[in-house]
Amino acid sequence: MSAPMHIRPLPPGRSGPRARAATGAGTRLHWWALALPALAFGLLLLLLAGSGEAHAATGEVSGLVQVAEQLLRAVA
């Protein structure tokens, strides 16, 4: 048994493929649709470029790892 389909009728006065395209989803791209992925890419690129200065590269343990080790010792 197939599911019922709900089709929206076109507004009066419009017909043809151009009218159908106009009633679909908006074709304009919002500013954040391009800015946010570009910002995320830039931030990830900066993280990769500065990874030589990270604590893991020098052998030092970060504060987050120290807290996690203390929590594991307390629980175990």
C-alpha atoms as a PDB file:
ATOM      1  CA  MET A   1       0.000   0.000   0.000  1.00  0.00           C
ATOM      2  CA  SER A   2       1.515   3.320  -1.011  1.00  0.00           C
ATOM      3  CA  ALA A   3       1.548   6.430   1.153  1.00  0.00           C
ATOM      4  CA  PRO A   4      -0.697   9.344   0.183  1.00  0.00           C
ATOM      5  CA  MET A   5       1.077  12.280  -1.500  1.00  0.00           C
ATOM      6  CA  HIS A   6       0.357  15.896  -0.672  1.00  0.00           C
ATOM      7  CA  ILE A   7       1.047  18.211  -3.596  1.00  0.00           C
ATOM      8  CA  ARG A   8       0.814  21.987  -3.215  1.00  0.00           C
ATOM      9  CA  PRO A   9      -1.092  23.658  -6.024  1.00  0.00           C
ATOM     10  CA  LEU A  10       0.545  26.524  -7.934  1.00  0.00           C
ATOM     11  CA  PRO A  11      -0.670  30.014  -7.110  1.00  0.00           C
ATOM     12  CA  PRO A  12      -3.194  31.386  -9.607  1.00  0.00           C
ATOM     13  CA  GLY A  13      -1.837  33.271 -12.603  1.00  0.00           C
ATOM     14  CA  ARG A  14       1.435  31.350 -12.932  1.00  0.00           C
ATOM     15  CA  SER A  15       2.092  28.384 -15.149  1.00  0.00           C
ATOM     16  CA  GLY A  16       4.981  26.695 -16.871  1.00  0.00           C
ATOM     17  CA  PRO A  17       8.447  25.573 -15.747  1.00  0.00           C
ATOM     18  CA  ARG A  18       9.578  29.079 -14.793  1.00  0.00           C
ATOM     19  CA  ALA A  19       6.664  29.448 -12.367  1.00  0.00           C
ATOM     20  CA  ARG A  20       7.419  26.056 -10.831  1.00  0.00           C
ATOM     21  CA  ALA A  21      11.044  27.071 -10.277  1.00  0.00           C
ATOM     22  CA  ALA A  22       9.963  30.335  -8.638  1.00  0.00           C
ATOM     23  CA  THR A  23       7.756  28.529  -6.128  1.00  0.00           C
ATOM     24  CA  GLY A  24      10.510  26.094  -5.086  1.00  0.00           C
ATOM     25  CA  ALA A  25      13.242  26.662  -2.542  1.00  0.00           C
ATOM     26  CA  GLY A  26      14.982  30.015  -2.606  1.00  0.00           C
ATOM     27  CA  THR A  27      17.972  30.192  -4.893  1.00  0.00           C
ATOM     28  CA  ARG A  28      19.765  33.002  -3.078  1.00  0.00           C
ATOM     29  CA  LEU A  29      22.707  31.978  -0.912  1.00  0.00           C
ATOM     30  CA  HIS A  30      22.786  33.530   2.545  1.00  0.00           C
ATOM     31  CA  TRP A  31      26.014  35.226   3.646  1.00  0.00           C
ATOM     32  CA  TRP A  32      26.616  32.726   6.436  1.00  0.00           C
ATOM     33  CA  ALA A  33      26.270  29.753   4.087  1.00  0.00           C
ATOM     34  CA  LEU A  34      29.627  30.723   2.604  1.00  0.00           C
ATOM     35  CA  ALA A  35      31.229  32.544   5.551  1.00  0.00           C
ATOM     36  CA  LEU A  36      30.868  29.792   8.160  1.00  0.00           C
ATOM     37  CA  PRO A  37      32.516  26.979   6.166  1.00  0.00           C
ATOM     38  CA  ALA A  38      35.292  29.395   5.122  1.00  0.00           C
ATOM     39  CA  LEU A  39      35.816  30.391   8.762  1.00  0.00           C
ATOM     40  CA  ALA A  40      35.877  26.755   9.892  1.00  0.00           C
ATOM     41  CA  PHE A  41      38.387  25.886   7.157  1.00  0.00           C
ATOM     42  CA  GLY A  42      40.595  28.803   8.180  1.00  0.00           C
ATOM     43  CA  LEU A  43      40.516  27.842  11.850  1.00  0.00           C
ATOM     44  CA  LEU A  44      41.378  24.221  11.079  1.00  0.00           C
ATOM     45  CA  LEU A  45      44.208  25.379   8.839  1.00  0.00           C
ATOM     46  CA  LEU A  46      45.563  27.544  11.673  1.00  0.00           C
ATOM     47  CA  LEU A  47      45.360  24.594  14.056  1.00  0.00           C
ATOM     48  CA  LEU A  48      47.341  22.447  11.660  1.00  0.00           C
ATOM     49  CA  ALA A  49      49.904  25.171  10.959  1.00  0.00           C
ATOM     50  CA  GLY A  50      50.512  25.792  14.663  1.00  0.00           C
ATOM     51  CA  SER A  51      50.642  22.131  15.664  1.00  0.00           C
ATOM     52  CA  GLY A  52      54.456  22.209  15.943  1.00  0.00           C
ATOM     53  CA  GLU A  53      54.098  24.402  19.017  1.00  0.00           C
ATOM     54  CA  ALA A  54      51.675  22.029  20.728  1.00  0.00           C
ATOM     55  CA  HIS A  55      52.438  20.363  24.071  1.00  0.00           C
ATOM     56  CA  ALA A  56      52.404  16.934  22.462  1.00  0.00           C
ATOM     57  CA  ALA A  57      55.335  17.894  20.240  1.00  0.00           C
ATOM     58  CA  THR A  58      57.512  18.818  23.251  1.00  0.00           C
ATOM     59  CA  GLY A  59      56.529  15.862  25.400  1.00  0.00           C
ATOM     60  CA  GLU A  60      54.718  17.926  28.042  1.00  0.00           C
ATOM     61  CA  VAL A  61      51.360  16.680  29.294  1.00  0.00           C
ATOM     62  CA  SER A  62      48.439  19.098  28.918  1.00  0.00           C
ATOM     63  CA  GLY A  63      46.211  20.114  31.802  1.00  0.00           C
ATOM     64  CA  LEU A  64      43.272  18.173  30.405  1.00  0.00           C
ATOM     65  CA  VAL A  65      45.298  14.951  30.326  1.00  0.00           C
ATOM     66  CA  GLN A  66      46.467  15.545  33.909  1.00  0.00           C
ATOM     67  CA  VAL A  67      42.872  16.031  35.099  1.00  0.00           C
ATOM     68  CA  ALA A  68      41.760  12.892  33.265  1.00  0.00           C
ATOM     69  CA  GLU A  69      44.580  10.866  34.858  1.00  0.00           C
ATOM     70  CA  GLN A  70      43.633  12.156  38.318  1.00  0.00           C
ATOM     71  CA  LEU A  71      39.994  11.239  37.729  1.00  0.00           C
ATOM     72  CA  LEU A  72      40.958   7.745  36.605  1.00  0.00           C
ATOM     73  CA  ARG A  73      43.164   7.265  39.686  1.00  0.00           C
ATOM     74  CA  ALA A  74      40.340   8.457  41.964  1.00  0.00           C
ATOM     75  CA  VAL A  75      37.776   6.109  40.392  1.00  0.00           C
ATOM     76  CA  ALA A  76      40.028   3.059  40.157  1.00  0.00           C
END
